[in-house]
C-alpha atoms as a PDB file:
ATOM      1  CA  MET A   1     -15.328  -7.045  -6.954  1.00  0.00           C
ATOM      2  CA  LEU A   2     -16.006  -4.246  -9.438  1.00  0.00           C
ATOM      3  CA  LEU A   3     -19.632  -5.297  -9.851  1.00  0.00           C
ATOM      4  CA  LYS A   4     -20.081  -5.228  -6.086  1.00  0.00           C
ATOM      5  CA  LEU A   5     -18.360  -1.854  -5.803  1.00  0.00           C
ATOM      6  CA  VAL A   6     -20.167   0.081  -8.538  1.00  0.00           C
ATOM      7  CA  GLY A   7     -23.116  -2.178  -9.318  1.00  0.00           C
ATOM      8  CA  ARG A   8     -23.980  -4.330 -12.300  1.00  0.00           C
ATOM      9  CA  ALA A   9     -25.972  -1.532 -13.967  1.00  0.00           C
ATOM     10  CA  ALA A  10     -22.963   0.827 -13.979  1.00  0.00           C
ATOM     11  CA  VAL A  11     -20.725  -1.852 -15.485  1.00  0.00           C
ATOM     12  CA  GLU A  12     -23.345  -2.620 -18.132  1.00  0.00           C
ATOM     13  CA  ASP A  13     -23.617   1.098 -18.998  1.00  0.00           C
ATOM     14  CA  GLN A  14     -19.859   1.224 -19.535  1.00  0.00           C
ATOM     15  CA  VAL A  15     -19.967  -1.931 -21.663  1.00  0.00           C
ATOM     16  CA  ARG A  16     -22.619  -0.258 -23.831  1.00  0.00           C
ATOM     17  CA  ALA A  17     -20.315   2.738 -24.294  1.00  0.00           C
ATOM     18  CA  TRP A  18     -17.268   0.682 -25.292  1.00  0.00           C
ATOM     19  CA  SER A  19     -18.691  -2.383 -27.034  1.00  0.00           C
ATOM     20  CA  SER A  20     -20.405  -2.870 -30.353  1.00  0.00           C
ATOM     21  CA  HIS A  21     -21.614  -6.202 -28.941  1.00  0.00           C
ATOM     22  CA  ALA A  22     -23.014  -4.952 -25.632  1.00  0.00           C
ATOM     23  CA  SER A  23     -26.309  -6.839 -25.841  1.00  0.00           C
ATOM     24  CA  LEU A  24     -24.365 -10.122 -25.629  1.00  0.00           C
ATOM     25  CA  ASP A  25     -23.010  -9.069 -22.220  1.00  0.00           C
ATOM     26  CA  ILE A  26     -26.326  -8.210 -20.578  1.00  0.00           C
ATOM     27  CA  PRO A  27     -26.590  -9.166 -17.824  1.00  0.00           C
ATOM     28  CA  PHE A  28     -22.868  -8.748 -17.298  1.00  0.00           C
ATOM     29  CA  LEU A  29     -21.706 -11.895 -15.524  1.00  0.00           C
ATOM     30  CA  THR A  30     -19.366 -12.125 -12.571  1.00  0.00           C
ATOM     31  CA  VAL A  31     -16.534 -14.662 -12.645  1.00  0.00           C
ATOM     32  CA  ASN A  32     -18.413 -16.701 -10.043  1.00  0.00           C
ATOM     33  CA  GLU A  33     -21.533 -16.731 -12.201  1.00  0.00           C
ATOM     34  CA  VAL A  34     -19.645 -17.905 -15.302  1.00  0.00           C
ATOM     35  CA  PHE A  35     -17.985 -20.662 -13.294  1.00  0.00           C
ATOM     36  CA  ALA A  36     -21.264 -21.787 -11.717  1.00  0.00           C
ATOM     37  CA  LEU A  37     -23.045 -21.868 -15.076  1.00  0.00           C
ATOM     38  CA  LYS A  38     -20.245 -23.837 -16.748  1.00  0.00           C
ATOM     39  CA  TYR A  39     -19.024 -26.060 -13.940  1.00  0.00           C
ATOM     40  CA  HIS A  40     -22.069 -26.845 -11.757  1.00  0.00           C
ATOM     41  CA  ASN A  41     -24.875 -29.153 -12.883  1.00  0.00           C
ATOM     42  CA  PHE A  42     -23.823 -28.676 -16.503  1.00  0.00           C
ATOM     43  CA  PRO A  43     -25.591 -28.416 -18.893  1.00  0.00           C
ATOM     44  CA  ALA A  44     -28.921 -28.167 -17.019  1.00  0.00           C
ATOM     45  CA  MET A  45     -28.239 -24.868 -15.234  1.00  0.00           C
ATOM     46  CA  ALA A  46     -26.585 -23.301 -18.278  1.00  0.00           C
ATOM     47  CA  ASP A  47     -29.371 -24.429 -20.599  1.00  0.00           C
ATOM     48  CA  HIS A  48     -32.028 -23.005 -18.278  1.00  0.00           C
ATOM     49  CA  TYR A  49     -30.169 -19.687 -18.061  1.00  0.00           C
ATOM     50  CA  LEU A  50     -29.869 -19.519 -21.855  1.00  0.00           C
ATOM     51  CA  SER A  51     -33.568 -20.286 -22.312  1.00  0.00           C
ATOM     52  CA  LEU A  52     -34.530 -17.133 -20.400  1.00  0.00           C
ATOM     53  CA  ASP A  53     -34.907 -13.683 -21.908  1.00  0.00           C
ATOM     54  CA  THR A  54     -32.555 -10.957 -20.712  1.00  0.00           C
ATOM     55  CA  SER A  55     -34.989  -9.562 -18.135  1.00  0.00           C
ATOM     56  CA  HIS A  56     -35.355 -12.953 -16.433  1.00  0.00           C
ATOM     57  CA  ARG A  57     -31.667 -13.907 -16.567  1.00  0.00           C
ATOM     58  CA  ALA A  58     -30.710 -11.366 -13.870  1.00  0.00           C
ATOM     59  CA  ALA A  59     -33.324 -12.788 -11.520  1.00  0.00           C
ATOM     60  CA  TYR A  60     -32.110 -16.346 -12.156  1.00  0.00           C
ATOM     61  CA  LEU A  61     -28.556 -15.262 -11.386  1.00  0.00           C
ATOM     62  CA  ALA A  62     -29.679 -13.791  -8.041  1.00  0.00           C
ATOM     63  CA  THR A  63     -32.015 -16.592  -6.982  1.00  0.00           C
ATOM     64  CA  THR A  64     -30.085 -19.630  -8.186  1.00  0.00           C
ATOM     65  CA  VAL A  65     -26.680 -19.157  -9.798  1.00  0.00           C
ATOM     66  CA  ASP A  66     -25.239 -16.821  -7.150  1.00  0.00           C
ATOM     67  CA  LYS A  67     -26.104 -19.364  -4.460  1.00  0.00           C
ATOM     68  CA  VAL A  68     -23.854 -22.113  -5.919  1.00  0.00           C
ATOM     69  CA  PRO A  69     -20.815 -22.597  -3.678  1.00  0.00           C
ATOM     70  CA  ALA A  70     -17.473 -22.911  -5.464  1.00  0.00           C
ATOM     71  CA  SER A  71     -16.996 -26.267  -3.718  1.00  0.00           C
ATOM     72  CA  GLU A  72     -19.827 -27.704  -5.869  1.00  0.00           C
ATOM     73  CA  GLU A  73     -18.194 -26.754  -9.174  1.00  0.00           C
ATOM     74  CA  GLN A  74     -16.369 -29.398 -11.182  1.00  0.00           C
ATOM     75  CA  SER A  75     -13.719 -28.435 -13.689  1.00  0.00           C
ATOM     76  CA  ALA A  76     -13.944 -29.447 -17.331  1.00  0.00           C
ATOM     77  CA  SER A  77     -11.288 -29.893 -19.986  1.00  0.00           C
ATOM     78  CA  MET A  78     -13.534 -29.338 -23.028  1.00  0.00           C
ATOM     79  CA  PRO A  79     -15.103 -26.026 -24.114  1.00  0.00           C
ATOM     80  CA  ARG A  80     -18.535 -25.288 -22.679  1.00  0.00           C
ATOM     81  CA  ASP A  81     -20.855 -22.676 -24.157  1.00  0.00           C
ATOM     82  CA  VAL A  82     -17.973 -20.422 -25.238  1.00  0.00           C
ATOM     83  CA  ASN A  83     -20.297 -18.724 -27.742  1.00  0.00           C
ATOM     84  CA  SER A  84     -23.189 -18.199 -25.311  1.00  0.00           C
ATOM     85  CA  ILE A  85     -21.917 -17.899 -21.699  1.00  0.00           C
ATOM     86  CA  GLU A  86     -18.838 -15.710 -21.723  1.00  0.00           C
ATOM     87  CA  TRP A  87     -17.738 -12.085 -21.875  1.00  0.00           C
ATOM     88  CA  PHE A  88     -18.042 -11.007 -25.484  1.00  0.00           C
ATOM     89  CA  ALA A  89     -15.841  -8.410 -27.130  1.00  0.00           C
ATOM     90  CA  SER A  90     -14.140  -7.881 -30.442  1.00  0.00           C
ATOM     91  CA  ALA A  91     -10.554  -6.686 -30.724  1.00  0.00           C
ATOM     92  CA  ASP A  92     -11.967  -3.193 -31.423  1.00  0.00           C
ATOM     93  CA  ASP A  93     -14.087  -3.375 -28.273  1.00  0.00           C
ATOM     94  CA  LEU A  94     -11.034  -4.328 -26.192  1.00  0.00           C
ATOM     95  CA  CYS A  95      -9.031  -1.474 -27.711  1.00  0.00           C
ATOM     96  CA  ARG A  96     -11.801   0.964 -26.756  1.00  0.00           C
ATOM     97  CA  ALA A  97     -11.831  -0.471 -23.228  1.00  0.00           C
ATOM     98  CA  PHE A  98      -8.064  -0.049 -22.809  1.00  0.00           C
ATOM     99  CA  VAL A  99      -8.224   3.536 -24.127  1.00  0.00           C
ATOM    100  CA  GLY A 100     -11.226   4.277 -21.918  1.00  0.00           C
ATOM    101  CA  LEU A 101      -9.455   2.899 -18.845  1.00  0.00           C
ATOM    102  CA  ALA A 102      -6.403   5.029 -19.675  1.00  0.00           C
ATOM    103  CA  LYS A 103      -8.649   8.116 -19.729  1.00  0.00           C
ATOM    104  CA  PHE A 104     -10.296   7.082 -16.437  1.00  0.00           C
ATOM    105  CA  GLN A 105      -6.879   6.616 -14.845  1.00  0.00           C
ATOM    106  CA  ALA A 106      -6.149  10.311 -15.404  1.00  0.00           C
ATOM    107  CA  GLU A 107      -9.207  11.298 -13.327  1.00  0.00           C
ATOM    108  CA  PRO A 108      -8.793  12.189  -9.639  1.00  0.00           C
ATOM    109  CA  GLY A 109      -8.825   9.104  -7.427  1.00  0.00           C
ATOM    110  CA  LEU A 110      -8.639   6.609 -10.314  1.00  0.00           C
ATOM    111  CA  ASN A 111      -4.857   6.332 -10.622  1.00  0.00           C
ATOM    112  CA  PRO A 112      -4.931   2.775  -9.143  1.00  0.00           C
ATOM    113  CA  ILE A 113      -6.352   1.551 -12.474  1.00  0.00           C
ATOM    114  CA  GLY A 114      -2.853   1.815 -13.944  1.00  0.00           C
ATOM    115  CA  THR A 115      -1.303   0.058 -10.979  1.00  0.00           C
ATOM    116  CA  VAL A 116      -3.750  -2.830 -11.212  1.00  0.00           C
ATOM    117  CA  LEU A 117      -3.350  -3.291 -14.976  1.00  0.00           C
ATOM    118  CA  SER A 118       0.451  -3.083 -14.848  1.00  0.00           C
ATOM    119  CA  THR A 119       0.934  -5.504 -11.953  1.00  0.00           C
ATOM    120  CA  ASN A 120       1.176  -8.483 -14.328  1.00  0.00           C
ATOM    121  CA  ASN A 121       2.830  -7.854 -17.702  1.00  0.00           C
ATOM    122  CA  GLY A 122       1.415 -11.081 -19.106  1.00  0.00           C
ATOM    123  CA  GLY A 123       4.858 -12.502 -19.802  1.00  0.00           C
ATOM    124  CA  ILE A 124       5.741 -10.014 -22.514  1.00  0.00           C
ATOM    125  CA  ALA A 125       9.441  -9.229 -22.679  1.00  0.00           C
ATOM    126  CA  LEU A 126       9.560  -5.557 -23.618  1.00  0.00           C
ATOM    127  CA  SER A 127      12.411  -3.269 -22.669  1.00  0.00           C
ATOM    128  CA  THR A 128      11.216  -1.060 -19.815  1.00  0.00           C
ATOM    129  CA  SER A 129      13.384   1.789 -21.124  1.00  0.00           C
ATOM    130  CA  THR A 130      11.585   1.665 -24.498  1.00  0.00           C
ATOM    131  CA  TRP A 131       8.189   0.678 -23.064  1.00  0.00           C
ATOM    132  CA  PRO A 132       7.866   2.228 -19.577  1.00  0.00           C
ATOM    133  CA  ARG A 133       4.129   1.453 -19.342  1.00  0.00           C
ATOM    134  CA  VAL A 134       2.674  -1.966 -20.120  1.00  0.00           C
ATOM    135  CA  TRP A 135      -0.832  -2.952 -19.108  1.00  0.00           C
ATOM    136  CA  PHE A 136      -2.081  -6.505 -19.498  1.00  0.00           C
ATOM    137  CA  LYS A 137      -5.429  -8.249 -19.310  1.00  0.00           C
ATOM    138  CA  GLY A 138      -5.862 -11.813 -20.416  1.00  0.00           C
ATOM    139  CA  GLY A 139      -8.469 -14.486 -20.133  1.00  0.00           C
ATOM    140  CA  SER A 140      -8.679 -18.164 -20.887  1.00  0.00           C
ATOM    141  CA  GLU A 141     -10.710 -21.268 -20.405  1.00  0.00           C
ATOM    142  CA  PRO A 142     -10.959 -24.472 -22.437  1.00  0.00           C
ATOM    143  CA  GLY A 143     -11.612 -23.234 -25.965  1.00  0.00           C
ATOM    144  CA  VAL A 144     -10.693 -19.573 -25.382  1.00  0.00           C
ATOM    145  CA  LEU A 145      -7.427 -17.640 -25.155  1.00  0.00           C
ATOM    146  CA  THR A 146      -7.267 -13.823 -25.055  1.00  0.00           C
ATOM    147  CA  LEU A 147      -4.200 -11.645 -24.516  1.00  0.00           C
ATOM    148  CA  GLY A 148      -4.573  -7.861 -24.483  1.00  0.00           C
ATOM    149  CA  TYR A 149      -1.860  -5.248 -23.992  1.00  0.00           C
ATOM    150  CA  LEU A 150      -1.724  -1.480 -23.811  1.00  0.00           C
ATOM    151  CA  ALA A 151       1.845  -0.226 -24.103  1.00  0.00           C
ATOM    152  CA  ARG A 152       3.188   3.344 -24.010  1.00  0.00           C
ATOM    153  CA  ASP A 153       6.626   3.922 -25.431  1.00  0.00           C
ATOM    154  CA  SER A 154       9.279   6.314 -24.171  1.00  0.00           C
ATOM    155  CA  ARG A 155       8.121   8.938 -26.720  1.00  0.00           C
ATOM    156  CA  GLY A 156       4.626   8.935 -25.195  1.00  0.00           C
ATOM    157  CA  GLN A 157       2.894   6.996 -28.003  1.00  0.00           C
ATOM    158  CA  THR A 158       0.327   4.462 -26.829  1.00  0.00           C
ATOM    159  CA  PHE A 159      -0.569   1.260 -28.662  1.00  0.00           C
ATOM    160  CA  VAL A 160      -3.026  -1.559 -27.994  1.00  0.00           C
ATOM    161  CA  VAL A 161      -2.498  -5.076 -29.316  1.00  0.00           C
ATOM    162  CA  VAL A 162      -5.015  -7.874 -28.778  1.00  0.00           C
ATOM    163  CA  VAL A 163      -4.837 -11.571 -29.691  1.00  0.00           C
ATOM    164  CA  LEU A 164      -8.140 -13.498 -29.559  1.00  0.00           C
ATOM    165  CA  THR A 165      -8.637 -17.147 -30.415  1.00  0.00           C
ATOM    166  CA  GLU A 166     -11.335 -19.684 -29.738  1.00  0.00           C
ATOM    167  CA  ASP A 167     -12.311 -23.207 -30.649  1.00  0.00           C
ATOM    168  CA  THR A 168     -15.776 -24.393 -29.658  1.00  0.00           C
ATOM    169  CA  SER A 169     -14.955 -28.066 -30.233  1.00  0.00           C
ATOM    170  CA  LYS A 170     -11.650 -28.545 -28.428  1.00  0.00           C
ATOM    171  CA  PRO A 171      -9.386 -26.759 -25.969  1.00  0.00           C
ATOM    172  CA  VAL A 172      -7.145 -24.057 -27.304  1.00  0.00           C
ATOM    173  CA  GLN A 173      -3.648 -25.330 -26.722  1.00  0.00           C
ATOM    174  CA  GLU A 174      -2.672 -23.215 -23.757  1.00  0.00           C
ATOM    175  CA  SER A 175       0.828 -24.669 -23.694  1.00  0.00           C
ATOM    176  CA  ALA A 176       3.892 -22.573 -23.148  1.00  0.00           C
ATOM    177  CA  ALA A 177       4.719 -22.874 -26.865  1.00  0.00           C
ATOM    178  CA  VAL A 178       1.392 -21.341 -27.963  1.00  0.00           C
ATOM    179  CA  GLU A 179       1.661 -18.486 -25.479  1.00  0.00           C
ATOM    180  CA  ILE A 180       5.265 -17.855 -26.523  1.00  0.00           C
ATOM    181  CA  GLN A 181       4.160 -17.688 -30.174  1.00  0.00           C
ATOM    182  CA  ALA A 182       1.387 -15.227 -29.272  1.00  0.00           C
ATOM    183  CA  LEU A 183       3.792 -13.129 -27.196  1.00  0.00           C
ATOM    184  CA  ASP A 184       6.286 -13.129 -30.074  1.00  0.00           C
ATOM    185  CA  VAL A 185       3.561 -11.789 -32.388  1.00  0.00           C
ATOM    186  CA  ILE A 186       2.575  -9.112 -29.891  1.00  0.00           C
ATOM    187  CA  SER A 187       6.193  -8.112 -29.145  1.00  0.00           C
ATOM    188  CA  GLY A 188       6.946  -7.982 -32.880  1.00  0.00           C
ATOM    189  CA  THR A 189       3.873  -5.862 -33.526  1.00  0.00           C
ATOM    190  CA  LEU A 190       4.805  -3.384 -30.794  1.00  0.00           C
ATOM    191  CA  GLY A 191       8.387  -3.372 -32.036  1.00  0.00           C
ATOM    192  CA  LEU A 192       7.180  -2.314 -35.488  1.00  0.00           C
ATOM    193  CA  MET A 193       5.106   0.490 -33.967  1.00  0.00           C
ATOM    194  CA  GLY A 194       7.444   1.748 -31.270  1.00  0.00           C
END
């Protein structure tokens, strides 16, 4: 939705400002494009996309990938191209993005950013009296699990904690136990800071 609202070029400009790995995210893919590349006619479509240089990838997305209906995608349980077709960011990049979004939220008309990012707390059990603001953004697929939080404490201090893990050969165990362990680490980290 964001790409359609502001345009791919504007999103890519912002990625360049926040990421030390921006070239890996050009062109910046939509969720539909990632799913089509990984779950439709795999690996032929993905391999063709990866064989193209950056200038030709955008055209291939428009002429071919964007035309794949979701009904033609088939799910997979094993990782697919997690190091080549994905959204790439380090923990530092994600911290810069959270801080940048917090600054944007303070601008006129952009207050909904905070509402959107605080709608889902990602399962973290923080006291709302100690942590009145918690933003969450996560992402996962077979082989990838990312949990990112921005939390502001009651004294006005803001912290960002990110957990990233990947395995290119097998699915990351996305069981409740693994997520609980990750949430315990994040909660403990914020508890030490707050």
